Amino acid sequence: MQEFQVKRGLTHDLKERVVQASTTYFGIPPREENGILSISYGALKRLEVRLGEGGKSIIIDTESNKDAPDAMILDTNKRFRQFLEETTGFNTKERVKRAKKAAEEES
């Protein structure tokens, strides 16, 4: 499970952003159960997204299909990164930088 901060100004419609990004990048809208949005796509057996404390972050839990072909894994990873960027407002480099900063603050 991983928590991703969402860029200021993008939190007011976060749930709708998750639904739209899922539909755009994975081609299917997520199903919702107990506040958890989930899909299954390509090399991801399970992708679950829930809103973090105060709605300023998203918490993502995934389960991978270890038997997926390499091409499917690459495609799924690309779509997942695009999904994260659309949802959080941060690109990969910015997300890594924020994660490192958060890890330093915890220790």
C-alpha atoms as a PDB file:
ATOM      1  CA  MET A   1       0.000   0.000   0.000  1.00  0.00           C
ATOM      2  CA  GLN A   2       1.310   3.421  -0.939  1.00  0.00           C
ATOM      3  CA  GLU A   3       0.082   6.925  -0.240  1.00  0.00           C
ATOM      4  CA  PHE A   4       0.451   9.673  -2.848  1.00  0.00           C
ATOM      5  CA  GLN A   5      -0.007  13.353  -2.065  1.00  0.00           C
ATOM      6  CA  VAL A   6      -2.291  15.327  -4.378  1.00  0.00           C
ATOM      7  CA  LYS A   7      -1.301  18.730  -5.691  1.00  0.00           C
ATOM      8  CA  ARG A   8      -2.953  21.654  -3.947  1.00  0.00           C
ATOM      9  CA  GLY A   9      -6.051  22.790  -5.825  1.00  0.00           C
ATOM     10  CA  LEU A  10      -6.810  19.326  -7.199  1.00  0.00           C
ATOM     11  CA  THR A  11      -8.318  17.879  -4.023  1.00  0.00           C
ATOM     12  CA  HIS A  12     -11.817  19.367  -4.237  1.00  0.00           C
ATOM     13  CA  ASP A  13     -13.040  16.752  -6.766  1.00  0.00           C
ATOM     14  CA  LEU A  14     -10.539  13.992  -6.048  1.00  0.00           C
ATOM     15  CA  LYS A  15     -12.938  11.063  -6.216  1.00  0.00           C
ATOM     16  CA  GLU A  16     -14.248  12.215  -9.592  1.00  0.00           C
ATOM     17  CA  ARG A  17     -10.656  12.661 -10.811  1.00  0.00           C
ATOM     18  CA  VAL A  18      -9.866   9.055  -9.852  1.00  0.00           C
ATOM     19  CA  VAL A  19     -12.953   7.781 -11.692  1.00  0.00           C
ATOM     20  CA  GLN A  20     -12.200   9.844 -14.801  1.00  0.00           C
ATOM     21  CA  ALA A  21      -8.494   8.904 -14.873  1.00  0.00           C
ATOM     22  CA  SER A  22      -9.369   5.201 -14.460  1.00  0.00           C
ATOM     23  CA  THR A  23     -11.775   5.396 -17.356  1.00  0.00           C
ATOM     24  CA  THR A  24      -9.333   7.352 -19.519  1.00  0.00           C
ATOM     25  CA  TYR A  25      -6.194   5.265 -18.967  1.00  0.00           C
ATOM     26  CA  PHE A  26      -7.594   1.801 -18.222  1.00  0.00           C
ATOM     27  CA  GLY A  27     -10.714   2.020 -20.371  1.00  0.00           C
ATOM     28  CA  ILE A  28     -13.066   1.007 -17.567  1.00  0.00           C
ATOM     29  CA  PRO A  29     -14.735   2.906 -14.749  1.00  0.00           C
ATOM     30  CA  PRO A  30     -13.869   1.611 -11.275  1.00  0.00           C
ATOM     31  CA  ARG A  31     -16.428  -0.129  -9.125  1.00  0.00           C
ATOM     32  CA  GLU A  32     -16.971   1.303  -5.672  1.00  0.00           C
ATOM     33  CA  GLU A  33     -17.431  -0.677  -2.491  1.00  0.00           C
ATOM     34  CA  ASN A  34     -17.137   0.772   1.024  1.00  0.00           C
ATOM     35  CA  GLY A  35     -15.386   3.893  -0.250  1.00  0.00           C
ATOM     36  CA  ILE A  36     -12.772   1.907  -2.182  1.00  0.00           C
ATOM     37  CA  LEU A  37     -12.579   2.303  -5.964  1.00  0.00           C
ATOM     38  CA  SER A  38     -11.196  -0.793  -7.664  1.00  0.00           C
ATOM     39  CA  ILE A  39     -10.390  -2.123 -11.120  1.00  0.00           C
ATOM     40  CA  SER A  40      -8.590  -5.047 -12.694  1.00  0.00           C
ATOM     41  CA  TYR A  41      -6.598  -4.349 -15.837  1.00  0.00           C
ATOM     42  CA  GLY A  42      -3.783  -6.007 -17.755  1.00  0.00           C
ATOM     43  CA  ALA A  43      -0.930  -6.971 -15.438  1.00  0.00           C
ATOM     44  CA  LEU A  44      -2.865  -5.676 -12.412  1.00  0.00           C
ATOM     45  CA  LYS A  45      -5.069  -8.301 -10.834  1.00  0.00           C
ATOM     46  CA  ARG A  46      -6.289  -5.625  -8.466  1.00  0.00           C
ATOM     47  CA  LEU A  47      -5.894  -1.856  -8.195  1.00  0.00           C
ATOM     48  CA  GLU A  48      -7.668  -0.298  -5.236  1.00  0.00           C
ATOM     49  CA  VAL A  49      -7.790   3.430  -4.545  1.00  0.00           C
ATOM     50  CA  ARG A  50      -9.161   5.161  -1.497  1.00  0.00           C
ATOM     51  CA  LEU A  51      -8.966   8.758  -0.388  1.00  0.00           C
ATOM     52  CA  GLY A  52      -6.453   9.583   2.320  1.00  0.00           C
ATOM     53  CA  GLU A  53      -7.060  11.486   5.532  1.00  0.00           C
ATOM     54  CA  GLY A  54      -8.702  14.805   4.773  1.00  0.00           C
ATOM     55  CA  GLY A  55      -8.968  14.021   1.053  1.00  0.00           C
ATOM     56  CA  LYS A  56      -5.496  15.425   0.318  1.00  0.00           C
ATOM     57  CA  SER A  57      -3.953  12.144  -0.789  1.00  0.00           C
ATOM     58  CA  ILE A  58      -4.823   8.822  -2.340  1.00  0.00           C
ATOM     59  CA  ILE A  59      -3.886   5.437  -0.953  1.00  0.00           C
ATOM     60  CA  ILE A  60      -3.278   2.760  -3.553  1.00  0.00           C
ATOM     61  CA  ASP A  61      -3.035  -0.983  -3.065  1.00  0.00           C
ATOM     62  CA  THR A  62      -2.158  -3.249  -5.990  1.00  0.00           C
ATOM     63  CA  GLU A  63      -1.766  -6.914  -6.735  1.00  0.00           C
ATOM     64  CA  SER A  64       0.160  -7.910  -9.851  1.00  0.00           C
ATOM     65  CA  ASN A  65      -0.415 -10.771 -12.248  1.00  0.00           C
ATOM     66  CA  LYS A  66       3.002 -12.436 -12.198  1.00  0.00           C
ATOM     67  CA  ASP A  67       2.182 -14.517 -15.291  1.00  0.00           C
ATOM     68  CA  ALA A  68       1.466 -11.506 -17.526  1.00  0.00           C
ATOM     69  CA  PRO A  69       3.541 -11.196 -20.714  1.00  0.00           C
ATOM     70  CA  ASP A  70       6.250  -8.513 -20.808  1.00  0.00           C
ATOM     71  CA  ALA A  71       4.390  -6.361 -23.335  1.00  0.00           C
ATOM     72  CA  MET A  72       1.312  -6.329 -21.095  1.00  0.00           C
ATOM     73  CA  ILE A  73       3.403  -5.401 -18.057  1.00  0.00           C
ATOM     74  CA  LEU A  74       5.016  -2.483 -19.894  1.00  0.00           C
ATOM     75  CA  ASP A  75       1.648  -1.231 -21.160  1.00  0.00           C
ATOM     76  CA  THR A  76       0.044  -1.527 -17.719  1.00  0.00           C
ATOM     77  CA  ASN A  77       2.941   0.289 -16.022  1.00  0.00           C
ATOM     78  CA  LYS A  78       2.752   3.129 -18.557  1.00  0.00           C
ATOM     79  CA  ARG A  79      -0.995   3.487 -18.021  1.00  0.00           C
ATOM     80  CA  PHE A  80      -0.559   3.344 -14.235  1.00  0.00           C
ATOM     81  CA  ARG A  81       2.020   6.166 -14.304  1.00  0.00           C
ATOM     82  CA  GLN A  82      -0.297   8.251 -16.501  1.00  0.00           C
ATOM     83  CA  PHE A  83      -3.177   7.517 -14.120  1.00  0.00           C
ATOM     84  CA  LEU A  84      -1.093   8.665 -11.135  1.00  0.00           C
ATOM     85  CA  GLU A  85       0.029  11.843 -12.874  1.00  0.00           C
ATOM     86  CA  GLU A  86      -3.538  12.741 -13.880  1.00  0.00           C
ATOM     87  CA  THR A  87      -4.900  11.988 -10.420  1.00  0.00           C
ATOM     88  CA  THR A  88      -2.188  13.553  -8.245  1.00  0.00           C
ATOM     89  CA  GLY A  89      -1.014  16.367 -10.509  1.00  0.00           C
ATOM     90  CA  PHE A  90       2.616  15.310  -9.954  1.00  0.00           C
ATOM     91  CA  ASN A  91       4.846  13.574 -12.498  1.00  0.00           C
ATOM     92  CA  THR A  92       7.028  10.595 -11.578  1.00  0.00           C
ATOM     93  CA  LYS A  93      10.067  12.703 -10.679  1.00  0.00           C
ATOM     94  CA  GLU A  94       7.991  14.943  -8.380  1.00  0.00           C
ATOM     95  CA  ARG A  95       6.330  11.924  -6.699  1.00  0.00           C
ATOM     96  CA  VAL A  96       9.744  10.341  -5.992  1.00  0.00           C
ATOM     97  CA  LYS A  97      11.054  13.603  -4.548  1.00  0.00           C
ATOM     98  CA  ARG A  98       8.008  13.921  -2.247  1.00  0.00           C
ATOM     99  CA  ALA A  99       8.293  10.283  -1.146  1.00  0.00           C
ATOM    100  CA  LYS A 100      11.969  10.737  -0.227  1.00  0.00           C
ATOM    101  CA  LYS A 101      11.143  13.888   1.746  1.00  0.00           C
ATOM    102  CA  ALA A 102       8.338  12.108   3.612  1.00  0.00           C
ATOM    103  CA  ALA A 103      10.637   9.174   4.440  1.00  0.00           C
ATOM    104  CA  GLU A 104      13.288  11.558   5.833  1.00  0.00           C
ATOM    105  CA  GLU A 105      10.703  13.285   8.020  1.00  0.00           C
ATOM    106  CA  GLU A 106       9.564   9.947   9.488  1.00  0.00           C
ATOM    107  CA  SER A 107      13.055   8.899  10.550  1.00  0.00           C
END
